[in-house]
C-alpha cells in the first residue's frame, strides 16, 4: 500500500505525465506534489482544482443515479467513495469517480480517493495531450486511488 510520495512517483511514470498532486478538496491544500504545476504555483493549482472537485462532488445531479427512484438510497460500487457533499439533498447516491478537463495542450484528471475518515482527497494528474493516453491514465489513477494509504 503506497503512501502519498510513492503514489505520486508511480503517477509520474505514466506516459505524458507532466505533474501530479494529492489534494484535500475541502481545504484546497496540496498534501503532496511532483513534477510541474500548470501555472507554476503548486498552491494556486491545488486551490483551483479543489474548487472544480468540490463543485462536482457537491452537486446532486452527480451524486444520484437519475434513472432510479430518487427517494431510495443507492449503494456505491465497492471501492468508490460516497461524496454527497453538504449541498446534496436527501440520501447520498452513486459517487463521483473522477473529473476530466481537456485543454488544447493537455488533460487534467481529478480522481477521488476513498478514505476511512471523510473522502475529501483527490489525485490531480496533468497529462500532456500529445504524449499521454487518457484512458490508460484514468485506469491507472483508479488503481492508485484504491491502494493509496493516507495516514
N, C-alpha and C. Protein backbone atom coordinates (compact mmCIF):
# COMPACT_ATOMS: atom_id res chain seq x y z
N UNK A 1 0.84 -1.18 0.00
CA UNK A 1 0.00 0.00 0.00
C UNK A 1 0.89 1.25 0.00
N UNK A 2 0.90 1.96 -1.09
CA UNK A 2 1.78 3.13 -1.17
C UNK A 2 1.21 4.34 -0.43
N UNK A 3 2.14 5.14 0.09
CA UNK A 3 1.77 6.42 0.68
C UNK A 3 1.74 7.49 -0.40
N UNK A 4 1.61 8.72 0.00
CA UNK A 4 1.48 9.83 -0.95
C UNK A 4 2.69 9.93 -1.87
N UNK A 5 3.89 9.93 -1.31
CA UNK A 5 5.09 10.09 -2.13
C UNK A 5 5.25 8.96 -3.14
N UNK A 6 5.05 7.73 -2.70
CA UNK A 6 5.17 6.58 -3.60
C UNK A 6 4.11 6.63 -4.70
N UNK A 7 2.90 7.03 -4.33
CA UNK A 7 1.82 7.13 -5.30
C UNK A 7 2.15 8.18 -6.37
N UNK A 8 2.65 9.33 -5.94
CA UNK A 8 2.98 10.39 -6.90
C UNK A 8 4.12 9.96 -7.82
N UNK A 9 5.11 9.25 -7.30
CA UNK A 9 6.19 8.75 -8.14
C UNK A 9 5.65 7.78 -9.19
N UNK A 10 4.72 6.94 -8.78
CA UNK A 10 4.10 5.99 -9.70
C UNK A 10 3.28 6.71 -10.78
N UNK A 11 2.57 7.73 -10.39
CA UNK A 11 1.77 8.51 -11.34
C UNK A 11 2.66 9.14 -12.41
N UNK A 12 3.82 9.62 -12.00
CA UNK A 12 4.72 10.29 -12.94
C UNK A 12 5.35 9.33 -13.94
N UNK A 13 5.21 8.04 -13.74
CA UNK A 13 5.71 7.06 -14.71
C UNK A 13 4.75 6.89 -15.88
N UNK A 14 3.56 7.44 -15.78
CA UNK A 14 2.59 7.34 -16.88
C UNK A 14 3.09 8.15 -18.09
N UNK A 15 2.90 7.64 -19.29
CA UNK A 15 3.32 8.39 -20.48
C UNK A 15 2.63 9.75 -20.54
N UNK A 16 3.42 10.79 -20.72
CA UNK A 16 2.88 12.15 -20.86
C UNK A 16 2.61 12.87 -19.56
N UNK A 17 2.90 12.25 -18.42
CA UNK A 17 2.65 12.90 -17.13
C UNK A 17 3.55 14.12 -16.99
N UNK A 18 2.94 15.26 -16.69
CA UNK A 18 3.71 16.49 -16.50
C UNK A 18 3.78 16.90 -15.05
N UNK A 19 2.75 16.59 -14.30
CA UNK A 19 2.71 16.95 -12.89
C UNK A 19 1.55 16.25 -12.21
N UNK A 20 1.66 16.11 -10.89
CA UNK A 20 0.60 15.44 -10.15
C UNK A 20 0.60 15.96 -8.72
N UNK A 21 -0.54 15.78 -8.07
CA UNK A 21 -0.68 16.21 -6.68
C UNK A 21 -1.77 15.39 -6.00
N UNK A 22 -1.66 15.29 -4.70
CA UNK A 22 -2.72 14.76 -3.86
C UNK A 22 -3.25 15.97 -3.10
N UNK A 23 -4.56 16.21 -3.23
CA UNK A 23 -5.14 17.46 -2.73
C UNK A 23 -6.38 17.17 -1.87
N UNK A 24 -6.52 17.92 -0.80
CA UNK A 24 -7.73 17.88 0.02
C UNK A 24 -8.69 18.91 -0.56
N UNK A 25 -9.84 18.44 -1.07
CA UNK A 25 -10.74 19.38 -1.74
C UNK A 25 -11.54 20.25 -0.80
N UNK A 26 -11.59 19.93 0.48
CA UNK A 26 -12.32 20.81 1.39
C UNK A 26 -11.48 22.03 1.78
N UNK A 27 -10.17 21.85 1.89
CA UNK A 27 -9.30 22.96 2.27
C UNK A 27 -8.57 23.59 1.09
N UNK A 28 -8.42 22.83 -0.01
CA UNK A 28 -7.68 23.31 -1.15
C UNK A 28 -6.18 23.20 -0.98
N UNK A 29 -5.73 22.42 0.00
CA UNK A 29 -4.30 22.28 0.26
C UNK A 29 -3.74 21.04 -0.42
N UNK A 30 -2.54 21.18 -0.97
CA UNK A 30 -1.84 20.04 -1.57
C UNK A 30 -1.17 19.26 -0.45
N UNK A 31 -1.42 17.96 -0.40
CA UNK A 31 -0.80 17.09 0.59
C UNK A 31 0.54 16.57 0.07
N UNK A 32 0.72 16.65 -1.24
CA UNK A 32 1.96 16.23 -1.89
C UNK A 32 1.92 16.64 -3.35
N UNK A 33 3.08 16.98 -3.91
CA UNK A 33 3.16 17.37 -5.32
C UNK A 33 4.41 16.78 -5.94
N UNK A 34 4.38 16.68 -7.28
CA UNK A 34 5.55 16.21 -8.03
C UNK A 34 5.45 16.74 -9.46
N UNK A 35 6.58 16.95 -10.08
CA UNK A 35 6.59 17.42 -11.46
C UNK A 35 6.28 18.90 -11.57
N UNK A 36 5.73 19.27 -12.72
CA UNK A 36 5.40 20.66 -13.00
C UNK A 36 4.00 21.01 -12.48
N UNK A 37 3.78 22.31 -12.30
CA UNK A 37 2.45 22.82 -12.00
C UNK A 37 1.96 23.55 -13.24
N UNK A 38 0.70 23.38 -13.63
CA UNK A 38 0.22 24.02 -14.86
C UNK A 38 0.41 25.54 -14.90
N UNK A 39 0.35 26.18 -13.76
CA UNK A 39 0.52 27.64 -13.76
C UNK A 39 1.77 28.07 -13.00
N UNK A 40 2.64 27.11 -12.67
CA UNK A 40 3.89 27.42 -11.99
C UNK A 40 3.79 27.60 -10.48
N UNK A 41 2.60 27.44 -9.92
CA UNK A 41 2.38 27.66 -8.50
C UNK A 41 1.54 26.51 -7.95
N UNK A 42 2.19 25.61 -7.20
CA UNK A 42 1.50 24.43 -6.68
C UNK A 42 0.32 24.79 -5.78
N UNK A 43 0.48 25.80 -4.95
CA UNK A 43 -0.60 26.17 -4.02
C UNK A 43 -1.82 26.69 -4.77
N UNK A 44 -1.59 27.53 -5.76
CA UNK A 44 -2.72 28.07 -6.55
C UNK A 44 -3.39 26.96 -7.34
N UNK A 45 -2.60 26.07 -7.91
CA UNK A 45 -3.16 24.95 -8.67
C UNK A 45 -4.02 24.07 -7.77
N UNK A 46 -3.53 23.79 -6.56
CA UNK A 46 -4.29 22.96 -5.61
C UNK A 46 -5.62 23.63 -5.26
N UNK A 47 -5.59 24.91 -4.98
CA UNK A 47 -6.81 25.64 -4.63
C UNK A 47 -7.80 25.66 -5.80
N UNK A 48 -7.29 25.87 -7.01
CA UNK A 48 -8.16 25.96 -8.19
C UNK A 48 -8.77 24.61 -8.54
N UNK A 49 -7.97 23.54 -8.49
CA UNK A 49 -8.52 22.23 -8.80
C UNK A 49 -9.46 21.74 -7.69
N UNK A 50 -9.21 22.16 -6.46
CA UNK A 50 -10.10 21.81 -5.36
C UNK A 50 -11.49 22.41 -5.58
N UNK A 51 -11.54 23.60 -6.14
CA UNK A 51 -12.84 24.23 -6.46
C UNK A 51 -13.62 23.39 -7.47
N UNK A 52 -12.92 22.90 -8.48
CA UNK A 52 -13.57 22.07 -9.50
C UNK A 52 -14.04 20.76 -8.88
N UNK A 53 -13.20 20.12 -8.07
CA UNK A 53 -13.57 18.87 -7.41
C UNK A 53 -14.76 19.06 -6.48
N UNK A 54 -14.72 20.12 -5.69
CA UNK A 54 -15.81 20.41 -4.76
C UNK A 54 -17.11 20.66 -5.52
N UNK A 55 -17.02 21.41 -6.60
CA UNK A 55 -18.22 21.70 -7.40
C UNK A 55 -18.85 20.41 -7.91
N UNK A 56 -18.04 19.50 -8.43
CA UNK A 56 -18.57 18.24 -8.96
C UNK A 56 -19.11 17.35 -7.84
N UNK A 57 -18.37 17.23 -6.76
CA UNK A 57 -18.75 16.32 -5.67
C UNK A 57 -20.00 16.77 -4.93
N UNK A 58 -20.26 18.05 -4.89
CA UNK A 58 -21.39 18.55 -4.10
C UNK A 58 -22.67 18.74 -4.90
N UNK A 59 -22.63 18.48 -6.18
CA UNK A 59 -23.83 18.68 -6.98
C UNK A 59 -24.72 17.44 -6.95
N UNK A 60 -25.98 17.60 -6.58
CA UNK A 60 -26.90 16.47 -6.51
C UNK A 60 -27.03 15.71 -7.84
N UNK A 61 -26.92 16.40 -8.94
CA UNK A 61 -27.06 15.74 -10.24
C UNK A 61 -25.97 14.68 -10.45
N UNK A 62 -24.80 14.87 -9.86
CA UNK A 62 -23.72 13.90 -9.99
C UNK A 62 -23.74 12.86 -8.87
N UNK A 63 -24.48 13.10 -7.82
CA UNK A 63 -24.49 12.21 -6.66
C UNK A 63 -25.56 11.13 -6.74
N UNK A 64 -26.43 11.20 -7.72
CA UNK A 64 -27.53 10.24 -7.82
C UNK A 64 -27.56 9.58 -9.19
N UNK A 65 -28.21 8.41 -9.22
CA UNK A 65 -28.49 7.73 -10.47
C UNK A 65 -29.85 8.24 -10.92
N UNK A 66 -29.90 9.09 -11.97
CA UNK A 66 -31.17 9.69 -12.36
C UNK A 66 -32.21 8.70 -12.87
N UNK A 67 -31.79 7.51 -13.28
CA UNK A 67 -32.74 6.53 -13.79
C UNK A 67 -33.45 5.77 -12.67
N UNK A 68 -32.94 5.88 -11.47
CA UNK A 68 -33.51 5.14 -10.35
C UNK A 68 -34.48 6.01 -9.56
N UNK A 69 -35.17 5.39 -8.64
CA UNK A 69 -36.11 6.09 -7.77
C UNK A 69 -35.33 7.05 -6.86
N UNK A 70 -35.55 8.37 -6.99
CA UNK A 70 -34.79 9.33 -6.20
C UNK A 70 -35.05 9.26 -4.71
N UNK A 71 -36.12 8.59 -4.29
CA UNK A 71 -36.40 8.50 -2.86
C UNK A 71 -35.62 7.37 -2.18
N UNK A 72 -34.96 6.53 -2.98
CA UNK A 72 -34.22 5.40 -2.42
C UNK A 72 -32.72 5.63 -2.51
N UNK A 73 -32.00 5.37 -1.41
CA UNK A 73 -30.53 5.49 -1.47
C UNK A 73 -29.96 4.36 -2.32
N UNK A 74 -28.83 4.65 -2.94
CA UNK A 74 -28.16 3.66 -3.78
C UNK A 74 -26.80 3.36 -3.20
N UNK A 75 -26.49 2.10 -3.02
CA UNK A 75 -25.16 1.79 -2.51
C UNK A 75 -24.10 2.13 -3.55
N UNK A 76 -23.01 2.69 -3.09
CA UNK A 76 -21.91 2.99 -4.00
C UNK A 76 -21.23 1.69 -4.39
N UNK A 77 -20.71 1.59 -5.62
CA UNK A 77 -19.97 0.39 -6.01
C UNK A 77 -18.80 0.18 -5.07
N UNK A 78 -18.40 -1.05 -4.88
CA UNK A 78 -17.29 -1.36 -3.99
C UNK A 78 -16.06 -0.57 -4.38
N UNK A 79 -15.45 0.07 -3.41
CA UNK A 79 -14.22 0.82 -3.66
C UNK A 79 -14.42 2.24 -4.11
N UNK A 80 -15.66 2.69 -4.30
CA UNK A 80 -15.84 4.08 -4.73
C UNK A 80 -16.36 4.92 -3.57
N UNK A 81 -15.84 6.14 -3.44
CA UNK A 81 -16.25 6.98 -2.31
C UNK A 81 -17.67 7.49 -2.47
N UNK A 82 -18.30 7.76 -1.35
CA UNK A 82 -19.62 8.38 -1.36
C UNK A 82 -19.40 9.84 -1.05
N UNK A 83 -19.68 10.69 -2.01
CA UNK A 83 -19.39 12.11 -1.87
C UNK A 83 -20.64 12.95 -2.09
N UNK A 84 -21.61 12.87 -1.20
CA UNK A 84 -22.82 13.63 -1.43
C UNK A 84 -22.62 15.12 -1.25
N UNK A 85 -21.68 15.52 -0.39
CA UNK A 85 -21.44 16.94 -0.13
C UNK A 85 -22.57 17.55 0.66
N UNK A 86 -22.30 18.69 1.28
CA UNK A 86 -23.31 19.33 2.11
C UNK A 86 -24.49 19.87 1.32
N UNK A 87 -24.32 20.11 0.03
CA UNK A 87 -25.40 20.68 -0.77
C UNK A 87 -26.34 19.64 -1.34
N UNK A 88 -26.02 18.36 -1.21
CA UNK A 88 -26.84 17.33 -1.82
C UNK A 88 -28.04 17.01 -0.94
N UNK A 89 -29.25 17.17 -1.46
CA UNK A 89 -30.42 16.87 -0.67
C UNK A 89 -30.67 15.37 -0.61
N UNK A 90 -31.25 14.91 0.48
CA UNK A 90 -31.63 13.52 0.59
C UNK A 90 -30.46 12.58 0.75
N UNK A 91 -30.72 11.30 0.61
CA UNK A 91 -29.67 10.31 0.81
C UNK A 91 -28.63 10.37 -0.30
N UNK A 92 -27.39 10.03 0.03
CA UNK A 92 -26.35 10.04 -0.99
C UNK A 92 -26.59 8.96 -2.02
N UNK A 93 -26.15 9.21 -3.22
CA UNK A 93 -26.29 8.22 -4.29
C UNK A 93 -24.93 7.76 -4.74
N UNK A 94 -24.81 7.43 -6.00
CA UNK A 94 -23.55 6.98 -6.54
C UNK A 94 -22.54 8.12 -6.51
N UNK A 95 -21.30 7.77 -6.21
CA UNK A 95 -20.26 8.76 -6.03
C UNK A 95 -19.67 9.22 -7.36
N UNK A 96 -19.08 10.40 -7.35
CA UNK A 96 -18.29 10.89 -8.46
C UNK A 96 -16.97 10.14 -8.40
N UNK A 97 -16.56 9.53 -9.51
CA UNK A 97 -15.29 8.82 -9.54
C UNK A 97 -14.16 9.76 -9.92
N UNK A 98 -14.35 10.48 -11.02
CA UNK A 98 -13.33 11.41 -11.45
C UNK A 98 -13.92 12.52 -12.29
N UNK A 99 -13.12 13.56 -12.48
CA UNK A 99 -13.48 14.70 -13.32
C UNK A 99 -12.34 14.85 -14.33
N UNK A 100 -12.69 14.99 -15.59
CA UNK A 100 -11.67 15.16 -16.63
C UNK A 100 -11.91 16.49 -17.32
N UNK A 101 -10.87 17.31 -17.37
CA UNK A 101 -10.92 18.60 -18.05
C UNK A 101 -9.90 18.54 -19.17
N UNK A 102 -10.33 18.83 -20.39
CA UNK A 102 -9.41 18.83 -21.52
C UNK A 102 -9.10 20.26 -21.93
N UNK A 103 -7.85 20.46 -22.31
CA UNK A 103 -7.42 21.75 -22.84
C UNK A 103 -6.71 21.48 -24.16
N UNK A 104 -6.32 22.52 -24.87
CA UNK A 104 -5.63 22.34 -26.14
C UNK A 104 -4.31 21.59 -25.96
N UNK A 105 -3.66 21.78 -24.83
CA UNK A 105 -2.34 21.18 -24.62
C UNK A 105 -2.36 19.94 -23.74
N UNK A 106 -3.43 19.67 -23.02
CA UNK A 106 -3.37 18.54 -22.12
C UNK A 106 -4.70 18.16 -21.50
N UNK A 107 -4.59 17.21 -20.58
CA UNK A 107 -5.74 16.72 -19.83
C UNK A 107 -5.45 16.89 -18.34
N UNK A 108 -6.48 17.19 -17.60
CA UNK A 108 -6.41 17.24 -16.15
C UNK A 108 -7.41 16.21 -15.64
N UNK A 109 -6.90 15.24 -14.90
CA UNK A 109 -7.77 14.20 -14.35
C UNK A 109 -7.77 14.37 -12.83
N UNK A 110 -8.95 14.52 -12.27
CA UNK A 110 -9.12 14.61 -10.83
C UNK A 110 -9.79 13.31 -10.39
N UNK A 111 -9.07 12.47 -9.71
CA UNK A 111 -9.59 11.16 -9.28
C UNK A 111 -9.81 11.17 -7.78
N UNK A 112 -11.05 10.97 -7.35
CA UNK A 112 -11.39 10.98 -5.94
C UNK A 112 -10.86 9.72 -5.25
N UNK A 113 -10.41 9.88 -4.01
CA UNK A 113 -9.82 8.81 -3.22
C UNK A 113 -10.72 8.54 -2.03
N UNK A 114 -11.09 7.27 -1.87
CA UNK A 114 -11.88 6.89 -0.70
C UNK A 114 -10.95 6.79 0.50
N UNK A 115 -11.37 7.40 1.60
CA UNK A 115 -10.60 7.33 2.84
C UNK A 115 -11.51 6.85 3.95
N UNK A 116 -10.91 6.44 5.04
CA UNK A 116 -11.71 5.96 6.17
C UNK A 116 -12.31 7.11 6.96
N UNK A 117 -11.82 8.34 6.74
CA UNK A 117 -12.33 9.45 7.53
C UNK A 117 -13.38 10.27 6.79
N UNK A 118 -13.07 10.98 5.72
CA UNK A 118 -14.11 11.82 5.11
C UNK A 118 -14.10 11.86 3.59
N UNK A 119 -13.24 11.12 2.93
CA UNK A 119 -13.20 11.04 1.46
C UNK A 119 -13.16 12.41 0.80
N UNK A 120 -12.33 13.30 1.30
CA UNK A 120 -12.23 14.63 0.71
C UNK A 120 -10.89 14.84 0.01
N UNK A 121 -10.29 13.75 -0.45
CA UNK A 121 -8.98 13.82 -1.09
C UNK A 121 -9.11 13.35 -2.53
N UNK A 122 -8.33 13.96 -3.42
CA UNK A 122 -8.30 13.50 -4.80
C UNK A 122 -6.89 13.60 -5.35
N UNK A 123 -6.65 12.80 -6.38
CA UNK A 123 -5.39 12.84 -7.13
C UNK A 123 -5.61 13.74 -8.34
N UNK A 124 -4.69 14.66 -8.58
CA UNK A 124 -4.75 15.51 -9.77
C UNK A 124 -3.56 15.15 -10.65
N UNK A 125 -3.84 14.71 -11.87
CA UNK A 125 -2.79 14.41 -12.84
C UNK A 125 -2.92 15.37 -14.00
N UNK A 126 -1.81 16.01 -14.34
CA UNK A 126 -1.74 16.87 -15.52
C UNK A 126 -0.99 16.07 -16.58
N UNK A 127 -1.66 15.80 -17.68
CA UNK A 127 -1.15 14.92 -18.72
C UNK A 127 -1.00 15.68 -20.03
N UNK A 128 0.15 15.53 -20.68
CA UNK A 128 0.37 16.14 -21.98
C UNK A 128 -0.55 15.47 -23.00
N UNK A 129 -1.21 16.28 -23.82
CA UNK A 129 -2.20 15.76 -24.76
C UNK A 129 -1.57 14.92 -25.87
N UNK A 130 -0.39 15.30 -26.34
CA UNK A 130 0.24 14.58 -27.45
C UNK A 130 0.90 13.28 -27.00
N UNK A 131 1.45 13.26 -25.81
CA UNK A 131 2.20 12.09 -25.34
C UNK A 131 1.40 11.17 -24.43
N UNK A 132 0.35 11.70 -23.82
CA UNK A 132 -0.40 10.93 -22.84
C UNK A 132 -1.49 10.08 -23.44
N UNK A 133 -1.92 9.10 -22.67
CA UNK A 133 -3.02 8.24 -23.04
C UNK A 133 -4.09 8.40 -21.96
N UNK A 134 -5.15 9.10 -22.29
CA UNK A 134 -6.17 9.43 -21.30
C UNK A 134 -6.82 8.19 -20.69
N UNK A 135 -7.15 7.21 -21.50
CA UNK A 135 -7.80 6.00 -20.99
C UNK A 135 -6.88 5.24 -20.04
N UNK A 136 -5.63 5.06 -20.43
CA UNK A 136 -4.67 4.37 -19.58
C UNK A 136 -4.46 5.12 -18.27
N UNK A 137 -4.31 6.44 -18.36
CA UNK A 137 -4.10 7.26 -17.16
C UNK A 137 -5.29 7.15 -16.22
N UNK A 138 -6.48 7.17 -16.76
CA UNK A 138 -7.68 7.08 -15.92
C UNK A 138 -7.74 5.74 -15.20
N UNK A 139 -7.43 4.66 -15.91
CA UNK A 139 -7.45 3.33 -15.28
C UNK A 139 -6.37 3.22 -14.20
N UNK A 140 -5.18 3.69 -14.49
CA UNK A 140 -4.09 3.59 -13.51
C UNK A 140 -4.35 4.47 -12.30
N UNK A 141 -4.92 5.66 -12.52
CA UNK A 141 -5.25 6.52 -11.38
C UNK A 141 -6.28 5.85 -10.48
N UNK A 142 -7.24 5.17 -11.09
CA UNK A 142 -8.23 4.45 -10.30
C UNK A 142 -7.59 3.38 -9.44
N UNK A 143 -6.65 2.63 -10.02
CA UNK A 143 -5.93 1.61 -9.25
C UNK A 143 -5.13 2.25 -8.12
N UNK A 144 -4.44 3.33 -8.43
CA UNK A 144 -3.62 4.00 -7.40
C UNK A 144 -4.48 4.58 -6.29
N UNK A 145 -5.62 5.14 -6.65
CA UNK A 145 -6.52 5.72 -5.65
C UNK A 145 -7.02 4.66 -4.67
N UNK A 146 -7.24 3.45 -5.17
CA UNK A 146 -7.70 2.36 -4.30
C UNK A 146 -6.60 1.90 -3.35
N UNK A 147 -5.34 1.98 -3.78
CA UNK A 147 -4.23 1.49 -2.98
C UNK A 147 -3.61 2.55 -2.09
N UNK A 148 -3.89 3.81 -2.34
CA UNK A 148 -3.26 4.90 -1.62
C UNK A 148 -3.59 4.84 -0.13
N UNK A 149 -2.58 4.96 0.69
CA UNK A 149 -2.75 4.97 2.14
C UNK A 149 -2.48 6.38 2.64
N UNK A 150 -3.45 6.94 3.31
CA UNK A 150 -3.30 8.28 3.90
C UNK A 150 -3.26 8.11 5.41
N UNK A 151 -2.18 8.58 6.01
CA UNK A 151 -2.05 8.45 7.46
C UNK A 151 -2.36 9.75 8.16
